[in-house]
């Protein structure tokens, strides 16, 4: 999970909204897995004109809620 967090944070130069392709690549998952998360309401996104967009800061917050600290 740490690698995924680093992937999201690594893209600091790209702020704002990501396309599904960019989001899936950053999270190291397939677009189909991303679609599944989206359909279940498990990942934050917005829809505009038939396309889905993902805010980097929302993804970072989502990931921080989904992770836990180890000793």
C-alpha atoms as a PDB file:
ATOM      1  CA  UNK A   1       0.000   0.000   0.000  1.00  0.00           C
ATOM      2  CA  UNK A   2       2.935   2.307   0.636  1.00  0.00           C
ATOM      3  CA  UNK A   3       3.954   2.074  -3.023  1.00  0.00           C
ATOM      4  CA  UNK A   4       0.475   3.179  -4.081  1.00  0.00           C
ATOM      5  CA  UNK A   5       0.594   6.119  -1.673  1.00  0.00           C
ATOM      6  CA  UNK A   6       3.968   7.108  -3.088  1.00  0.00           C
ATOM      7  CA  UNK A   7       2.592   6.875  -6.624  1.00  0.00           C
ATOM      8  CA  UNK A   8      -0.206   9.307  -5.831  1.00  0.00           C
ATOM      9  CA  UNK A   9       2.116  11.707  -4.019  1.00  0.00           C
ATOM     10  CA  UNK A  10       4.773  11.466  -6.739  1.00  0.00           C
ATOM     11  CA  UNK A  11       2.463  13.212  -9.210  1.00  0.00           C
ATOM     12  CA  UNK A  12       2.570  16.536  -7.360  1.00  0.00           C
ATOM     13  CA  UNK A  13       3.208  18.461 -10.540  1.00  0.00           C
ATOM     14  CA  UNK A  14      -0.146  17.310 -11.888  1.00  0.00           C
ATOM     15  CA  UNK A  15      -2.819  18.841  -9.724  1.00  0.00           C
ATOM     16  CA  UNK A  16      -6.537  18.826 -10.214  1.00  0.00           C
ATOM     17  CA  UNK A  17      -8.447  16.020 -11.826  1.00  0.00           C
ATOM     18  CA  UNK A  18      -7.092  12.818 -13.338  1.00  0.00           C
ATOM     19  CA  UNK A  19      -8.668  10.681 -16.031  1.00  0.00           C
ATOM     20  CA  UNK A  20      -9.433   7.022 -15.324  1.00  0.00           C
ATOM     21  CA  UNK A  21      -6.309   5.964 -17.213  1.00  0.00           C
ATOM     22  CA  UNK A  22      -4.039   8.256 -15.203  1.00  0.00           C
ATOM     23  CA  UNK A  23      -5.662   7.271 -11.915  1.00  0.00           C
ATOM     24  CA  UNK A  24      -5.414   3.531 -12.629  1.00  0.00           C
ATOM     25  CA  UNK A  25      -1.774   3.907 -13.628  1.00  0.00           C
ATOM     26  CA  UNK A  26      -0.932   5.867 -10.459  1.00  0.00           C
ATOM     27  CA  UNK A  27      -2.709   3.315  -8.253  1.00  0.00           C
ATOM     28  CA  UNK A  28      -1.144   0.419 -10.185  1.00  0.00           C
ATOM     29  CA  UNK A  29      -4.513  -1.203 -10.884  1.00  0.00           C
ATOM     30  CA  UNK A  30      -6.373  -1.988 -14.097  1.00  0.00           C
ATOM     31  CA  UNK A  31      -9.030   0.347 -15.461  1.00  0.00           C
ATOM     32  CA  UNK A  32     -11.551  -2.449 -14.853  1.00  0.00           C
ATOM     33  CA  UNK A  33     -10.613  -2.620 -11.167  1.00  0.00           C
ATOM     34  CA  UNK A  34     -10.944   1.161 -10.959  1.00  0.00           C
ATOM     35  CA  UNK A  35     -14.376   0.886 -12.583  1.00  0.00           C
ATOM     36  CA  UNK A  36     -15.376  -1.737 -10.036  1.00  0.00           C
ATOM     37  CA  UNK A  37     -14.288   0.515  -7.153  1.00  0.00           C
ATOM     38  CA  UNK A  38     -16.189   3.406  -8.712  1.00  0.00           C
ATOM     39  CA  UNK A  39     -19.363   1.358  -9.282  1.00  0.00           C
ATOM     40  CA  UNK A  40     -19.340   0.252  -5.627  1.00  0.00           C
ATOM     41  CA  UNK A  41     -18.762   3.814  -4.444  1.00  0.00           C
ATOM     42  CA  UNK A  42     -15.472   2.758  -2.892  1.00  0.00           C
ATOM     43  CA  UNK A  43     -13.374   5.469  -4.549  1.00  0.00           C
ATOM     44  CA  UNK A  44     -14.163   9.202  -4.856  1.00  0.00           C
ATOM     45  CA  UNK A  45     -14.794  10.480  -8.375  1.00  0.00           C
ATOM     46  CA  UNK A  46     -16.805  12.963 -10.423  1.00  0.00           C
ATOM     47  CA  UNK A  47     -18.575  12.486 -13.731  1.00  0.00           C
ATOM     48  CA  UNK A  48     -18.621  15.142 -16.406  1.00  0.00           C
ATOM     49  CA  UNK A  49     -19.924  14.581 -19.921  1.00  0.00           C
ATOM     50  CA  UNK A  50     -19.750  10.797 -19.702  1.00  0.00           C
ATOM     51  CA  UNK A  51     -16.166  10.755 -18.398  1.00  0.00           C
ATOM     52  CA  UNK A  52     -15.053  10.086 -14.864  1.00  0.00           C
ATOM     53  CA  UNK A  53     -12.432  12.214 -13.145  1.00  0.00           C
ATOM     54  CA  UNK A  54     -10.499  11.652  -9.943  1.00  0.00           C
ATOM     55  CA  UNK A  55      -9.001  14.423  -7.819  1.00  0.00           C
ATOM     56  CA  UNK A  56      -5.500  13.673  -6.618  1.00  0.00           C
ATOM     57  CA  UNK A  57      -6.136  15.153  -3.179  1.00  0.00           C
ATOM     58  CA  UNK A  58      -9.314  13.073  -2.797  1.00  0.00           C
ATOM     59  CA  UNK A  59      -7.360   9.945  -3.724  1.00  0.00           C
ATOM     60  CA  UNK A  60      -4.652  10.801  -1.197  1.00  0.00           C
ATOM     61  CA  UNK A  61      -7.291  11.256   1.517  1.00  0.00           C
ATOM     62  CA  UNK A  62      -9.013   8.016   0.475  1.00  0.00           C
ATOM     63  CA  UNK A  63      -5.727   6.121   0.644  1.00  0.00           C
ATOM     64  CA  UNK A  64      -4.866   7.538   4.049  1.00  0.00           C
ATOM     65  CA  UNK A  65      -8.215   6.294   5.390  1.00  0.00           C
ATOM     66  CA  UNK A  66      -7.602   2.842   3.890  1.00  0.00           C
ATOM     67  CA  UNK A  67      -4.145   2.358   5.374  1.00  0.00           C
ATOM     68  CA  UNK A  68      -3.028   1.584   8.890  1.00  0.00           C
ATOM     69  CA  UNK A  69       0.150   2.016  10.844  1.00  0.00           C
ATOM     70  CA  UNK A  70       2.302  -1.000  11.634  1.00  0.00           C
ATOM     71  CA  UNK A  71       4.618  -1.240  14.582  1.00  0.00           C
END
